[in-house]
C-alpha atoms as a PDB file:
ATOM      1  CA  UNK A   1     -51.548  -3.621  23.450  1.00  0.00           C
ATOM      2  CA  UNK A   2     -49.724  -3.111  20.157  1.00  0.00           C
ATOM      3  CA  UNK A   3     -46.073  -3.999  19.888  1.00  0.00           C
ATOM      4  CA  UNK A   4     -44.127  -0.954  18.653  1.00  0.00           C
ATOM      5  CA  UNK A   5     -41.506  -3.095  16.889  1.00  0.00           C
ATOM      6  CA  UNK A   6     -44.177  -4.931  14.947  1.00  0.00           C
ATOM      7  CA  UNK A   7     -45.710  -1.654  13.796  1.00  0.00           C
ATOM      8  CA  UNK A   8     -42.330  -0.239  12.814  1.00  0.00           C
ATOM      9  CA  UNK A   9     -41.418  -3.327  10.833  1.00  0.00           C
ATOM     10  CA  UNK A  10     -44.815  -3.374   9.128  1.00  0.00           C
ATOM     11  CA  UNK A  11     -44.331   0.194   7.975  1.00  0.00           C
ATOM     12  CA  UNK A  12     -41.141  -0.694   6.137  1.00  0.00           C
ATOM     13  CA  UNK A  13     -41.937  -2.321   2.793  1.00  0.00           C
ATOM     14  CA  UNK A  14     -40.547  -5.770   2.190  1.00  0.00           C
ATOM     15  CA  UNK A  15     -37.099  -5.632   0.727  1.00  0.00           C
ATOM     16  CA  UNK A  16     -37.146  -6.077  -2.993  1.00  0.00           C
ATOM     17  CA  UNK A  17     -34.842  -8.607  -4.561  1.00  0.00           C
ATOM     18  CA  UNK A  18     -31.369  -7.095  -4.613  1.00  0.00           C
ATOM     19  CA  UNK A  19     -30.689  -5.409  -7.894  1.00  0.00           C
ATOM     20  CA  UNK A  20     -27.763  -6.800  -9.816  1.00  0.00           C
ATOM     21  CA  UNK A  21     -24.813  -4.459  -9.627  1.00  0.00           C
ATOM     22  CA  UNK A  22     -23.746  -2.914 -12.885  1.00  0.00           C
ATOM     23  CA  UNK A  23     -20.286  -4.335 -12.113  1.00  0.00           C
ATOM     24  CA  UNK A  24     -21.394  -7.887 -11.361  1.00  0.00           C
ATOM     25  CA  UNK A  25     -21.924  -9.933 -14.499  1.00  0.00           C
ATOM     26  CA  UNK A  26     -22.381 -13.506 -15.597  1.00  0.00           C
ATOM     27  CA  UNK A  27     -19.281 -15.418 -14.391  1.00  0.00           C
ATOM     28  CA  UNK A  28     -19.397 -18.008 -17.160  1.00  0.00           C
ATOM     29  CA  UNK A  29     -19.239 -15.323 -19.861  1.00  0.00           C
ATOM     30  CA  UNK A  30     -16.377 -13.564 -18.121  1.00  0.00           C
ATOM     31  CA  UNK A  31     -14.430 -16.777 -17.595  1.00  0.00           C
ATOM     32  CA  UNK A  32     -14.868 -17.633 -21.271  1.00  0.00           C
ATOM     33  CA  UNK A  33     -13.593 -14.165 -22.229  1.00  0.00           C
ATOM     34  CA  UNK A  34     -10.725 -14.519 -19.756  1.00  0.00           C
ATOM     35  CA  UNK A  35      -9.753 -17.855 -21.314  1.00  0.00           C
ATOM     36  CA  UNK A  36      -9.859 -16.300 -24.792  1.00  0.00           C
ATOM     37  CA  UNK A  37      -7.733 -13.299 -23.778  1.00  0.00           C
ATOM     38  CA  UNK A  38      -5.318 -15.548 -21.896  1.00  0.00           C
ATOM     39  CA  UNK A  39      -4.866 -17.736 -24.974  1.00  0.00           C
ATOM     40  CA  UNK A  40      -4.277 -14.656 -27.130  1.00  0.00           C
ATOM     41  CA  UNK A  41      -1.709 -13.278 -24.704  1.00  0.00           C
ATOM     42  CA  UNK A  42       0.169 -16.569 -24.524  1.00  0.00           C
ATOM     43  CA  UNK A  43       0.091 -16.848 -28.311  1.00  0.00           C
ATOM     44  CA  UNK A  44       1.420 -13.295 -28.594  1.00  0.00           C
ATOM     45  CA  UNK A  45       4.199 -13.955 -26.068  1.00  0.00           C
ATOM     46  CA  UNK A  46       5.198 -17.186 -27.827  1.00  0.00           C
ATOM     47  CA  UNK A  47       5.018 -15.681 -31.308  1.00  0.00           C
ATOM     48  CA  UNK A  48       6.896 -12.540 -30.328  1.00  0.00           C
ATOM     49  CA  UNK A  49       9.598 -14.550 -28.567  1.00  0.00           C
ATOM     50  CA  UNK A  50      10.061 -16.935 -31.480  1.00  0.00           C
ATOM     51  CA  UNK A  51      10.036 -14.127 -34.035  1.00  0.00           C
ATOM     52  CA  UNK A  52      12.438 -11.958 -32.059  1.00  0.00           C
ATOM     53  CA  UNK A  53      14.923 -14.782 -31.550  1.00  0.00           C
ATOM     54  CA  UNK A  54      14.796 -15.663 -35.259  1.00  0.00           C
ATOM     55  CA  UNK A  55      15.331 -12.040 -36.238  1.00  0.00           C
ATOM     56  CA  UNK A  56      18.258 -11.595 -33.861  1.00  0.00           C
ATOM     57  CA  UNK A  57      19.994 -14.791 -35.015  1.00  0.00           C
ATOM     58  CA  UNK A  58      19.444 -13.815 -38.663  1.00  0.00           C
ATOM     59  CA  UNK A  59      20.832 -10.330 -38.092  1.00  0.00           C
ATOM     60  CA  UNK A  60      23.864 -11.734 -36.273  1.00  0.00           C
ATOM     61  CA  UNK A  61      24.580 -14.149 -39.113  1.00  0.00           C
ATOM     62  CA  UNK A  62      24.288 -11.264 -41.571  1.00  0.00           C
ATOM     63  CA  UNK A  63      26.681  -9.176 -39.463  1.00  0.00           C
ATOM     64  CA  UNK A  64      29.182 -12.065 -39.410  1.00  0.00           C
ATOM     65  CA  UNK A  65      28.970 -12.286 -43.201  1.00  0.00           C
ATOM     66  CA  UNK A  66      29.517  -8.542 -43.507  1.00  0.00           C
ATOM     67  CA  UNK A  67      32.501  -8.744 -41.139  1.00  0.00           C
ATOM     68  CA  UNK A  68      34.049 -11.518 -43.234  1.00  0.00           C
ATOM     69  CA  UNK A  69      33.654  -9.457 -46.386  1.00  0.00           C
ATOM     70  CA  UNK A  70      35.163  -6.416 -44.694  1.00  0.00           C
ATOM     71  CA  UNK A  71      38.022  -8.519 -43.376  1.00  0.00           C
ATOM     72  CA  UNK A  72      38.797  -9.750 -46.902  1.00  0.00           C
ATOM     73  CA  UNK A  73      39.014  -6.193 -48.188  1.00  0.00           C
ATOM     74  CA  UNK A  74      42.209  -4.219 -47.863  1.00  0.00           C
ATOM     75  CA  UNK A  75      40.667  -1.809 -45.348  1.00  0.00           C
ATOM     76  CA  UNK A  76      39.362  -4.664 -43.234  1.00  0.00           C
ATOM     77  CA  UNK A  77      42.763  -6.230 -42.676  1.00  0.00           C
ATOM     78  CA  UNK A  78      43.971  -3.094 -40.916  1.00  0.00           C
ATOM     79  CA  UNK A  79      40.862  -3.009 -38.711  1.00  0.00           C
ATOM     80  CA  UNK A  80      40.800  -6.717 -37.779  1.00  0.00           C
ATOM     81  CA  UNK A  81      41.043  -6.193 -33.997  1.00  0.00           C
ATOM     82  CA  UNK A  82      38.239  -3.622 -34.075  1.00  0.00           C
ATOM     83  CA  UNK A  83      36.043  -5.896 -36.170  1.00  0.00           C
ATOM     84  CA  UNK A  84      36.651  -8.843 -33.838  1.00  0.00           C
ATOM     85  CA  UNK A  85      35.816  -6.742 -30.767  1.00  0.00           C
ATOM     86  CA  UNK A  86      32.631  -5.460 -32.362  1.00  0.00           C
ATOM     87  CA  UNK A  87      31.481  -8.947 -33.388  1.00  0.00           C
ATOM     88  CA  UNK A  88      32.364 -10.363 -29.953  1.00  0.00           C
ATOM     89  CA  UNK A  89      30.362  -7.592 -28.244  1.00  0.00           C
ATOM     90  CA  UNK A  90      27.438  -8.186 -30.578  1.00  0.00           C
ATOM     91  CA  UNK A  91      27.578 -11.908 -29.874  1.00  0.00           C
ATOM     92  CA  UNK A  92      27.587 -11.302 -26.112  1.00  0.00           C
ATOM     93  CA  UNK A  93      24.573  -8.972 -26.205  1.00  0.00           C
ATOM     94  CA  UNK A  94      22.630 -11.193 -28.587  1.00  0.00           C
ATOM     95  CA  UNK A  95      23.373 -14.246 -26.446  1.00  0.00           C
ATOM     96  CA  UNK A  96      22.012 -12.375 -23.423  1.00  0.00           C
ATOM     97  CA  UNK A  97      18.904 -11.377 -25.408  1.00  0.00           C
ATOM     98  CA  UNK A  98      18.341 -14.993 -26.464  1.00  0.00           C
ATOM     99  CA  UNK A  99      18.657 -16.163 -22.848  1.00  0.00           C
ATOM    100  CA  UNK A 100      16.037 -13.584 -21.819  1.00  0.00           C
ATOM    101  CA  UNK A 101      13.713 -14.848 -24.556  1.00  0.00           C
ATOM    102  CA  UNK A 102      14.264 -18.459 -23.493  1.00  0.00           C
ATOM    103  CA  UNK A 103      13.459 -17.613 -19.870  1.00  0.00           C
ATOM    104  CA  UNK A 104      10.299 -15.723 -20.894  1.00  0.00           C
ATOM    105  CA  UNK A 105       9.066 -18.586 -23.046  1.00  0.00           C
ATOM    106  CA  UNK A 106      10.107 -21.171 -20.462  1.00  0.00           C
ATOM    107  CA  UNK A 107       8.127 -19.300 -17.828  1.00  0.00           C
ATOM    108  CA  UNK A 108       5.036 -19.461 -20.035  1.00  0.00           C
ATOM    109  CA  UNK A 109       5.501 -23.187 -20.684  1.00  0.00           C
ATOM    110  CA  UNK A 110       5.803 -23.887 -16.953  1.00  0.00           C
ATOM    111  CA  UNK A 111       2.731 -21.716 -16.289  1.00  0.00           C
ATOM    112  CA  UNK A 112       0.727 -23.548 -18.944  1.00  0.00           C
ATOM    113  CA  UNK A 113       1.789 -26.916 -17.562  1.00  0.00           C
ATOM    114  CA  UNK A 114       0.838 -25.949 -13.992  1.00  0.00           C
ATOM    115  CA  UNK A 115      -2.527 -24.608 -15.134  1.00  0.00           C
ATOM    116  CA  UNK A 116      -3.204 -27.717 -17.200  1.00  0.00           C
ATOM    117  CA  UNK A 117      -2.286 -30.050 -14.337  1.00  0.00           C
ATOM    118  CA  UNK A 118      -4.363 -28.173 -11.767  1.00  0.00           C
ATOM    119  CA  UNK A 119      -7.411 -27.923 -14.015  1.00  0.00           C
ATOM    120  CA  UNK A 120      -7.216 -31.637 -14.811  1.00  0.00           C
ATOM    121  CA  UNK A 121      -6.917 -32.422 -11.106  1.00  0.00           C
ATOM    122  CA  UNK A 122      -9.864 -30.216 -10.147  1.00  0.00           C
ATOM    123  CA  UNK A 123     -12.041 -31.574 -12.941  1.00  0.00           C
ATOM    124  CA  UNK A 124     -11.381 -35.170 -11.928  1.00  0.00           C
ATOM    125  CA  UNK A 125     -11.454 -34.681  -8.146  1.00  0.00           C
ATOM    126  CA  UNK A 126     -13.904 -36.444  -5.859  1.00  0.00           C
ATOM    127  CA  UNK A 127     -17.082 -34.552  -4.955  1.00  0.00           C
ATOM    128  CA  UNK A 128     -16.282 -35.171  -1.291  1.00  0.00           C
ATOM    129  CA  UNK A 129     -13.490 -32.739  -0.489  1.00  0.00           C
ATOM    130  CA  UNK A 130     -12.454 -34.774   2.542  1.00  0.00           C
ATOM    131  CA  UNK A 131     -11.252 -37.496   0.150  1.00  0.00           C
ATOM    132  CA  UNK A 132      -9.036 -35.140  -1.868  1.00  0.00           C
ATOM    133  CA  UNK A 133      -5.358 -35.888  -2.249  1.00  0.00           C
ATOM    134  CA  UNK A 134      -2.741 -33.290  -1.364  1.00  0.00           C
ATOM    135  CA  UNK A 135      -2.436 -32.454  -5.073  1.00  0.00           C
ATOM    136  CA  UNK A 136      -6.163 -31.804  -5.407  1.00  0.00           C
ATOM    137  CA  UNK A 137      -6.025 -29.457  -2.410  1.00  0.00           C
ATOM    138  CA  UNK A 138      -3.002 -27.636  -3.845  1.00  0.00           C
ATOM    139  CA  UNK A 139      -4.676 -27.495  -7.270  1.00  0.00           C
ATOM    140  CA  UNK A 140      -7.791 -25.895  -5.836  1.00  0.00           C
ATOM    141  CA  UNK A 141      -5.766 -23.197  -4.086  1.00  0.00           C
ATOM    142  CA  UNK A 142      -3.457 -22.649  -7.072  1.00  0.00           C
ATOM    143  CA  UNK A 143      -6.327 -22.260  -9.547  1.00  0.00           C
ATOM    144  CA  UNK A 144      -7.614 -19.315  -7.522  1.00  0.00           C
ATOM    145  CA  UNK A 145      -4.267 -17.473  -7.675  1.00  0.00           C
ATOM    146  CA  UNK A 146      -4.819 -15.039 -10.523  1.00  0.00           C
ATOM    147  CA  UNK A 147      -1.929 -12.990  -9.173  1.00  0.00           C
ATOM    148  CA  UNK A 148       0.501 -15.828 -10.009  1.00  0.00           C
ATOM    149  CA  UNK A 149      -0.696 -15.932 -13.636  1.00  0.00           C
ATOM    150  CA  UNK A 150      -0.548 -12.155 -13.887  1.00  0.00           C
ATOM    151  CA  UNK A 151       2.941 -12.050 -12.379  1.00  0.00           C
ATOM    152  CA  UNK A 152       4.232 -14.697 -14.795  1.00  0.00           C
ATOM    153  CA  UNK A 153       2.700 -12.879 -17.770  1.00  0.00           C
ATOM    154  CA  UNK A 154       4.129  -9.530 -16.656  1.00  0.00           C
ATOM    155  CA  UNK A 155       7.544 -11.121 -16.084  1.00  0.00           C
ATOM    156  CA  UNK A 156       7.468 -12.716 -19.558  1.00  0.00           C
ATOM    157  CA  UNK A 157       6.502  -9.436 -21.202  1.00  0.00           C
ATOM    158  CA  UNK A 158       9.205  -7.610 -19.235  1.00  0.00           C
ATOM    159  CA  UNK A 159      11.833 -10.181 -20.217  1.00  0.00           C
ATOM    160  CA  UNK A 160      10.829  -9.891 -23.871  1.00  0.00           C
ATOM    161  CA  UNK A 161      11.057  -6.099 -23.596  1.00  0.00           C
ATOM    162  CA  UNK A 162      14.561  -6.383 -22.153  1.00  0.00           C
ATOM    163  CA  UNK A 163      15.522  -8.851 -24.892  1.00  0.00           C
ATOM    164  CA  UNK A 164      14.250  -6.460 -27.539  1.00  0.00           C
ATOM    165  CA  UNK A 165      16.292  -3.623 -26.036  1.00  0.00           C
ATOM    166  CA  UNK A 166      19.425  -5.791 -25.837  1.00  0.00           C
ATOM    167  CA  UNK A 167      18.913  -6.856 -29.447  1.00  0.00           C
ATOM    168  CA  UNK A 168      18.562  -3.259 -30.571  1.00  0.00           C
ATOM    169  CA  UNK A 169      21.743  -2.335 -28.707  1.00  0.00           C
ATOM    170  CA  UNK A 170      23.603  -5.343 -30.121  1.00  0.00           C
ATOM    171  CA  UNK A 171      22.676  -4.468 -33.677  1.00  0.00           C
ATOM    172  CA  UNK A 172      23.736  -0.859 -33.167  1.00  0.00           C
ATOM    173  CA  UNK A 173      20.306   0.583 -33.868  1.00  0.00           C
ATOM    174  CA  UNK A 174      20.584   3.166 -31.090  1.00  0.00           C
ATOM    175  CA  UNK A 175      23.181   5.903 -30.819  1.00  0.00           C
END
């Protein structure tokens, strides 16, 4: 007597090796590209933050110099309270912008330090996971949290955007 299940399974050709999805690629290449793009983004954030803070401080110093010159003129003496209020408002907004820049850059420095520490820990951890210290366990979990990196990067970019806007307002470049 012939087993019907055996006949049915014999009729189905052996499954071919699963084809690689067009969306699934070599992890090593993608991780290398990720590392390159991450380094570029952090360089951009750092460079933009440093450049923006330098520009804002320079523009404020220029505005102070202009205010002093105006004050020395005959017309400036009559407008002294207005000039002082304008400079004080500019100083307040620029100070706020510089704090935003410092927080954005500080966030990136903390992120880099955490990533460096966790990668060092993972690289030098024992092969036997049962012997891992609490830090090695935390490092393993943290290194898989892309969302934390993305959130920190988005927060830094947002803070730099706010700082740019505050700087533009402080310098009177918008109506």
